[in-house]
C-alpha atoms as a PDB file:
ATOM      1  CA  MET A   1      -0.055  -0.077   0.007  1.00  0.00           C
ATOM      2  CA  HIS A   2       1.393   3.325  -1.017  1.00  0.00           C
ATOM      3  CA  GLU A   3       2.372   6.039   1.594  1.00  0.00           C
ATOM      4  CA  ASN A   4       3.217   9.454   0.698  1.00  0.00           C
ATOM      5  CA  PRO A   5       6.349  11.160   1.724  1.00  0.00           C
ATOM      6  CA  SER A   6       6.673  12.523   4.953  1.00  0.00           C
ATOM      7  CA  ASN A   7       5.673  16.317   5.465  1.00  0.00           C
ATOM      8  CA  SER A   8       9.415  17.431   5.603  1.00  0.00           C
ATOM      9  CA  ALA A   9      10.313  15.257   2.273  1.00  0.00           C
ATOM     10  CA  LEU A  10       7.307  17.380   0.443  1.00  0.00           C
ATOM     11  CA  LYS A  11       8.581  20.459   1.673  1.00  0.00           C
ATOM     12  CA  VAL A  12      11.822  19.594   0.214  1.00  0.00           C
ATOM     13  CA  ILE A  13       9.921  18.844  -3.215  1.00  0.00           C
ATOM     14  CA  LEU A  14       8.375  21.874  -3.223  1.00  0.00           C
ATOM     15  CA  SER A  15      10.834  24.198  -2.289  1.00  0.00           C
ATOM     16  CA  GLU A  16      13.507  22.668  -4.903  1.00  0.00           C
ATOM     17  CA  ALA A  17      11.095  22.248  -7.653  1.00  0.00           C
ATOM     18  CA  LYS A  18      11.242  25.108 -10.166  1.00  0.00           C
ATOM     19  CA  ASN A  19       9.154  23.647 -13.530  1.00  0.00           C
ATOM     20  CA  ILE A  20       5.786  21.818 -12.857  1.00  0.00           C
ATOM     21  CA  ALA A  21       3.833  20.098 -15.856  1.00  0.00           C
ATOM     22  CA  LEU A  22       0.220  20.191 -15.194  1.00  0.00           C
ATOM     23  CA  VAL A  23      -1.276  17.559 -16.815  1.00  0.00           C
ATOM     24  CA  GLY A  24      -5.245  18.254 -17.347  1.00  0.00           C
ATOM     25  CA  ALA A  25      -4.663  21.966 -17.524  1.00  0.00           C
ATOM     26  CA  SER A  26      -7.696  23.734 -18.752  1.00  0.00           C
ATOM     27  CA  SER A  27      -8.338  27.276 -20.110  1.00  0.00           C
ATOM     28  CA  ASN A  28     -11.929  27.102 -18.201  1.00  0.00           C
ATOM     29  CA  ARG A  29     -11.686  29.558 -15.134  1.00  0.00           C
ATOM     30  CA  ASN A  30     -14.339  27.310 -13.387  1.00  0.00           C
ATOM     31  CA  ARG A  31     -11.996  23.905 -13.408  1.00  0.00           C
ATOM     32  CA  PRO A  32      -9.913  23.491 -10.335  1.00  0.00           C
ATOM     33  CA  SER A  33      -6.664  22.918 -12.446  1.00  0.00           C
ATOM     34  CA  HIS A  34      -6.952  26.220 -13.870  1.00  0.00           C
ATOM     35  CA  ALA A  35      -7.266  27.764 -10.703  1.00  0.00           C
ATOM     36  CA  ILE A  36      -4.379  25.700  -9.262  1.00  0.00           C
ATOM     37  CA  MET A  37      -2.101  26.603 -12.111  1.00  0.00           C
ATOM     38  CA  GLN A  38      -2.666  30.307 -11.543  1.00  0.00           C
ATOM     39  CA  ARG A  39      -1.855  29.763  -7.810  1.00  0.00           C
ATOM     40  CA  LEU A  40       1.517  28.017  -8.467  1.00  0.00           C
ATOM     41  CA  GLN A  41       2.335  30.756 -11.306  1.00  0.00           C
ATOM     42  CA  SER A  42       1.895  33.489  -8.793  1.00  0.00           C
ATOM     43  CA  VAL A  43       4.569  32.375  -6.546  1.00  0.00           C
ATOM     44  CA  GLY A  44       7.249  31.658  -8.877  1.00  0.00           C
ATOM     45  CA  TYR A  45       6.748  28.140 -10.320  1.00  0.00           C
ATOM     46  CA  ARG A  46       6.995  27.773 -14.145  1.00  0.00           C
ATOM     47  CA  VAL A  47       3.853  25.656 -14.905  1.00  0.00           C
ATOM     48  CA  ILE A  48       3.827  24.185 -18.466  1.00  0.00           C
ATOM     49  CA  PRO A  49       0.197  23.052 -19.039  1.00  0.00           C
ATOM     50  CA  VAL A  50      -0.382  19.423 -20.667  1.00  0.00           C
ATOM     51  CA  ASN A  51      -3.915  18.801 -22.754  1.00  0.00           C
ATOM     52  CA  PRO A  52      -4.248  17.949 -26.174  1.00  0.00           C
ATOM     53  CA  ASN A  53      -7.223  20.290 -26.435  1.00  0.00           C
ATOM     54  CA  GLU A  54      -5.728  23.448 -25.547  1.00  0.00           C
ATOM     55  CA  LEU A  55      -3.445  25.782 -27.148  1.00  0.00           C
ATOM     56  CA  ASN A  56      -2.543  28.580 -24.377  1.00  0.00           C
ATOM     57  CA  ILE A  57      -3.184  28.586 -20.760  1.00  0.00           C
ATOM     58  CA  LEU A  58      -2.385  31.589 -18.659  1.00  0.00           C
ATOM     59  CA  GLY A  59       0.459  32.662 -20.801  1.00  0.00           C
ATOM     60  CA  GLU A  60       1.839  29.360 -21.436  1.00  0.00           C
ATOM     61  CA  LYS A  61       1.891  27.116 -24.589  1.00  0.00           C
ATOM     62  CA  VAL A  62       0.181  24.047 -23.945  1.00  0.00           C
ATOM     63  CA  TYR A  63       1.659  20.749 -24.800  1.00  0.00           C
ATOM     64  CA  ALA A  64      -0.603  17.961 -26.024  1.00  0.00           C
ATOM     65  CA  SER A  65       1.646  15.120 -23.732  1.00  0.00           C
ATOM     66  CA  LEU A  66       4.584  15.232 -21.807  1.00  0.00           C
ATOM     67  CA  LEU A  67       6.665  13.768 -24.517  1.00  0.00           C
ATOM     68  CA  ASP A  68       5.888  17.140 -26.369  1.00  0.00           C
ATOM     69  CA  ILE A  69       7.632  19.570 -23.678  1.00  0.00           C
ATOM     70  CA  PRO A  70      11.102  20.674 -24.958  1.00  0.00           C
ATOM     71  CA  LYS A  71      13.995  18.544 -23.784  1.00  0.00           C
ATOM     72  CA  ASP A  72      15.601  21.779 -22.221  1.00  0.00           C
ATOM     73  CA  ILE A  73      12.649  22.270 -19.875  1.00  0.00           C
ATOM     74  CA  PRO A  74      13.392  20.069 -17.013  1.00  0.00           C
ATOM     75  CA  ILE A  75      10.274  18.777 -15.164  1.00  0.00           C
ATOM     76  CA  ASP A  76      10.250  18.709 -11.658  1.00  0.00           C
ATOM     77  CA  ILE A  77       6.966  17.502 -10.840  1.00  0.00           C
ATOM     78  CA  VAL A  78       4.355  16.233 -12.970  1.00  0.00           C
ATOM     79  CA  ASN A  79       0.878  17.254 -11.331  1.00  0.00           C
ATOM     80  CA  VAL A  80      -1.993  15.170 -12.382  1.00  0.00           C
ATOM     81  CA  PHE A  81      -5.679  16.451 -12.719  1.00  0.00           C
ATOM     82  CA  ARG A  82      -6.993  13.080 -14.472  1.00  0.00           C
ATOM     83  CA  ARG A  83      -9.090  10.421 -13.247  1.00  0.00           C
ATOM     84  CA  SER A  84      -7.214   7.485 -11.363  1.00  0.00           C
ATOM     85  CA  GLU A  85      -7.551   5.008 -14.063  1.00  0.00           C
ATOM     86  CA  TYR A  86      -5.776   7.151 -16.520  1.00  0.00           C
ATOM     87  CA  THR A  87      -2.787   7.877 -14.775  1.00  0.00           C
ATOM     88  CA  LEU A  88      -0.563   4.700 -15.602  1.00  0.00           C
ATOM     89  CA  PRO A  89       0.482   6.171 -19.042  1.00  0.00           C
ATOM     90  CA  ILE A  90       1.093   9.582 -17.498  1.00  0.00           C
ATOM     91  CA  ALA A  91       3.514   7.842 -15.145  1.00  0.00           C
ATOM     92  CA  GLN A  92       5.322   6.142 -17.919  1.00  0.00           C
ATOM     93  CA  GLU A  93       5.450   9.467 -19.755  1.00  0.00           C
ATOM     94  CA  ALA A  94       6.945  11.195 -16.595  1.00  0.00           C
ATOM     95  CA  ALA A  95       9.455   8.243 -16.367  1.00  0.00           C
ATOM     96  CA  SER A  96      10.496   8.998 -19.949  1.00  0.00           C
ATOM     97  CA  ILE A  97      11.173  12.896 -19.481  1.00  0.00           C
ATOM     98  CA  LYS A  98      12.990  12.167 -16.326  1.00  0.00           C
ATOM     99  CA  ALA A  99      10.769  13.923 -14.080  1.00  0.00           C
ATOM    100  CA  LYS A 100      11.498  13.941 -10.422  1.00  0.00           C
ATOM    101  CA  THR A 101       7.898  13.761  -8.968  1.00  0.00           C
ATOM    102  CA  LEU A 102       4.531  12.447  -9.744  1.00  0.00           C
ATOM    103  CA  TRP A 103       1.930  14.134  -7.775  1.00  0.00           C
ATOM    104  CA  LEU A 104      -1.603  12.957  -8.410  1.00  0.00           C
ATOM    105  CA  GLN A 105      -4.167  15.626  -7.160  1.00  0.00           C
ATOM    106  CA  SER A 106      -6.820  15.181  -4.283  1.00  0.00           C
ATOM    107  CA  GLY A 107      -9.075  12.256  -5.236  1.00  0.00           C
ATOM    108  CA  VAL A 108      -6.683  10.845  -7.612  1.00  0.00           C
ATOM    109  CA  TYR A 109      -5.105   7.364  -6.526  1.00  0.00           C
ATOM    110  CA  ASN A 110      -3.831   4.336  -8.019  1.00  0.00           C
ATOM    111  CA  GLU A 111      -1.501   1.896  -6.510  1.00  0.00           C
ATOM    112  CA  GLU A 112      -0.361   0.594  -9.994  1.00  0.00           C
ATOM    113  CA  THR A 113       0.870   3.890 -11.028  1.00  0.00           C
ATOM    114  CA  ALA A 114       2.442   4.412  -7.769  1.00  0.00           C
ATOM    115  CA  LEU A 115       4.452   1.135  -7.783  1.00  0.00           C
ATOM    116  CA  TYR A 116       5.444   1.857 -11.599  1.00  0.00           C
ATOM    117  CA  ALA A 117       6.749   5.450 -10.855  1.00  0.00           C
ATOM    118  CA  GLN A 118       8.400   4.347  -7.456  1.00  0.00           C
ATOM    119  CA  HIS A 119      10.278   1.660  -9.559  1.00  0.00           C
ATOM    120  CA  GLN A 120      11.194   4.397 -12.254  1.00  0.00           C
ATOM    121  CA  GLY A 121      12.682   6.523  -9.287  1.00  0.00           C
ATOM    122  CA  LEU A 122       9.740   8.773  -9.039  1.00  0.00           C
ATOM    123  CA  ASN A 123       8.769  10.182  -5.965  1.00  0.00           C
ATOM    124  CA  VAL A 124       5.124   9.493  -5.766  1.00  0.00           C
ATOM    125  CA  ILE A 125       2.391  11.620  -3.956  1.00  0.00           C
ATOM    126  CA  MET A 126      -1.230  10.772  -4.325  1.00  0.00           C
ATOM    127  CA  ASP A 127      -4.610  12.086  -3.274  1.00  0.00           C
ATOM    128  CA  LEU A 128      -3.189  15.607  -2.232  1.00  0.00           C
ATOM    129  CA  CYS A 129      -3.757  19.054  -3.608  1.00  0.00           C
ATOM    130  CA  ILE A 130      -0.342  20.605  -4.439  1.00  0.00           C
ATOM    131  CA  ALA A 131      -1.626  24.103  -3.516  1.00  0.00           C
ATOM    132  CA  VAL A 132      -2.783  23.094  -0.257  1.00  0.00           C
ATOM    133  CA  GLU A 133       0.285  21.337   1.088  1.00  0.00           C
ATOM    134  CA  TYR A 134       2.384  23.921  -0.663  1.00  0.00           C
ATOM    135  CA  SER A 135       0.503  26.725   1.960  1.00  0.00           C
ATOM    136  CA  LEU A 136       0.590  24.490   5.037  1.00  0.00           C
ATOM    137  CA  LEU A 137       4.543  23.619   4.137  1.00  0.00           C
ATOM    138  CA  ILE A 138       6.073  26.384   2.768  1.00  0.00           C
ATOM    139  CA  LYS A 139       4.350  28.736   5.005  1.00  0.00           C
ATOM    140  CA  ARG A 140       3.538  31.341   2.408  1.00  0.00           C
ATOM    141  CA  PRO A 141      -0.114  31.389   1.868  1.00  0.00           C
ATOM    142  CA  LEU A 142      -1.107  30.933  -2.286  1.00  0.00           C
ATOM    143  CA  PRO A 143      -3.265  33.766  -3.095  1.00  0.00           C
ATOM    144  CA  ALA A 144      -7.166  33.126  -3.616  1.00  0.00           C
END
């Protein structure tokens, strides 16, 4: 059974990250992924949106998949806003691009995905909101 990293490990992951690929990004302001992307950008992360149905979100070019992100943009965290059953191929792409962490948002949990990603050397966080954890652990509340 997967266990998320400790709070101190999460704090290190969030503190050291610079580039976050957000899978399931949306230009729809009513979608949680849009609000989270905006919040993460506001505290200095570069957020690279991934969605095959979008072109540009919050000033960033959108890529159809993680594999389409230019190789000169190292991805620290792959933050996933997709249903649990769709996460294994995302983990495979995350491993392929040598991302450091696979972060599945609140409500997203898949043991098979976690095992695969861990065996590929990724940190795995599941069923946690990256924005909430940032606010709790980094002690700089994200703007609403």
